[in-house]
Each structure stands twice: as C-alpha cells, then as structure tokens.
Protein backbone atom coordinates (compact mmCIF):
# COMPACT_ATOMS: atom_id res chain seq x y z
CA MET A 1 4.61 -5.07 3.74
CA ASN A 2 1.34 -6.06 2.15
CA ILE A 3 -0.02 -4.96 -1.25
CA GLN A 4 -3.68 -5.40 -2.14
CA TYR A 5 -5.60 -4.44 -5.26
CA ASN A 6 -9.39 -4.41 -5.63
CA ASP A 7 -10.30 -4.38 -9.31
CA LYS A 8 -13.98 -3.56 -8.62
CA SER A 9 -13.16 -0.33 -6.81
CA ASP A 10 -9.83 0.15 -8.68
CA LEU A 11 -8.09 0.71 -5.34
CA LEU A 12 -4.48 -0.24 -4.61
CA TYR A 13 -3.40 -0.32 -0.97
CA ILE A 14 0.15 -0.69 0.27
CA ARG A 15 0.44 -1.51 3.96
CA LEU A 16 3.92 -0.70 5.24
CA ASP A 17 3.47 -1.56 8.92
CA GLU A 18 1.49 -4.70 9.79
CA ARG A 19 1.06 -3.86 13.49
CA LYS A 20 -2.50 -3.13 14.59
CA GLN A 21 -2.80 0.53 15.46
CA GLN A 22 -5.10 3.46 15.09
CA VAL A 23 -4.41 5.52 12.01
CA MET A 24 -5.42 8.94 10.78
CA ASN A 25 -6.18 9.39 7.08
CA ARG A 26 -4.50 12.28 5.32
CA LYS A 27 -5.59 13.02 1.75
CA VAL A 28 -2.51 14.14 -0.17
CA THR A 29 -4.13 14.48 -3.61
CA ASP A 30 -7.52 13.62 -5.06
CA ASP A 31 -6.34 10.03 -5.57
CA ILE A 32 -3.77 9.37 -2.83
CA VAL A 33 -4.55 8.90 0.86
CA LEU A 34 -1.92 8.24 3.52
CA ASP A 35 -2.63 6.32 6.72
CA ILE A 36 -0.60 7.96 9.48
CA GLY A 37 0.09 5.94 12.62
CA LYS A 38 1.86 6.33 15.91
CA GLY A 39 4.64 8.90 15.88
CA GLY A 40 3.43 10.40 12.61
CA LYS A 41 4.81 7.50 10.56
CA ILE A 42 3.20 6.40 7.30
CA VAL A 43 1.49 3.06 7.87
CA GLY A 44 -0.25 2.70 4.52
CA ILE A 45 -0.79 4.33 1.13
CA GLU A 46 -4.09 4.13 -0.73
CA PHE A 47 -4.29 4.84 -4.46
CA LEU A 48 -7.76 5.60 -5.80
CA ASP A 49 -8.37 5.00 -9.54
CA ALA A 50 -5.13 3.01 -9.44
CA SER A 51 -5.31 1.66 -12.99
CA LYS A 52 -5.47 5.23 -14.34
CA ARG A 53 -2.48 6.39 -12.28
CA LEU A 54 -0.15 3.37 -12.09
CA ASP A 55 1.17 0.68 -14.40
CA LEU A 56 -0.47 -2.22 -12.60
CA LYS A 57 0.94 -4.78 -15.04
CA ARG A 58 4.40 -3.93 -13.73
CA LEU A 59 3.31 -3.87 -10.08
CA LEU A 60 1.06 -6.90 -9.90
CA PRO A 61 1.57 -9.63 -9.08
CA VAL A 62 4.34 -8.61 -6.76
CA LYS A 63 7.35 -10.87 -7.11
CA TYR A 64 9.97 -11.30 -4.44
CA LYS A 65 12.70 -13.71 -3.43
CA LEU A 66 13.36 -15.08 0.02
CA SER A 67 16.94 -15.86 0.81
CA SER A 68 17.62 -18.70 3.19
CA LYS A 69 20.35 -18.26 5.74
CA ALA A 70 22.83 -21.08 6.07
CA ALA A 71 23.01 -22.36 9.64
C-alpha cells in the first residue's frame, strides 16, 4: 500500500495494489474517485479536496511498525 498527498492540488491518493495494470476510473462522489483494476477490484482511491474532507493531521505522516521474524 502506498499513500501520497499533494498539497498543491490537495489530492490524497491511496494505492492498494502496487502491480502495474490498466485501471478504469469510477467517480463515486464529487470528491472520491476509485481506480478499478483486473477482476473489478479496487486498486486505488483518490480524494479530491482532501484537506476539506479528511483529518490529514491524523493520517499523515503514516506511521507503521515492521515486525522482524526470528529465524
């Protein structure tokens, strides 16, 4: 998963599937667009006017932990 935010265009994009593939855009609302890939699966979600719709301070920067497996 990859999350990108462009503050100039106020666009937040969440990429769920990193594989290269052709996608079809489906506008769900005036400010949400889904990228639909192979098999009708959601590949990405685009939020227009993101700062007006989402609490970006809570979302960005994304924090995560990697757990190491003991060998």
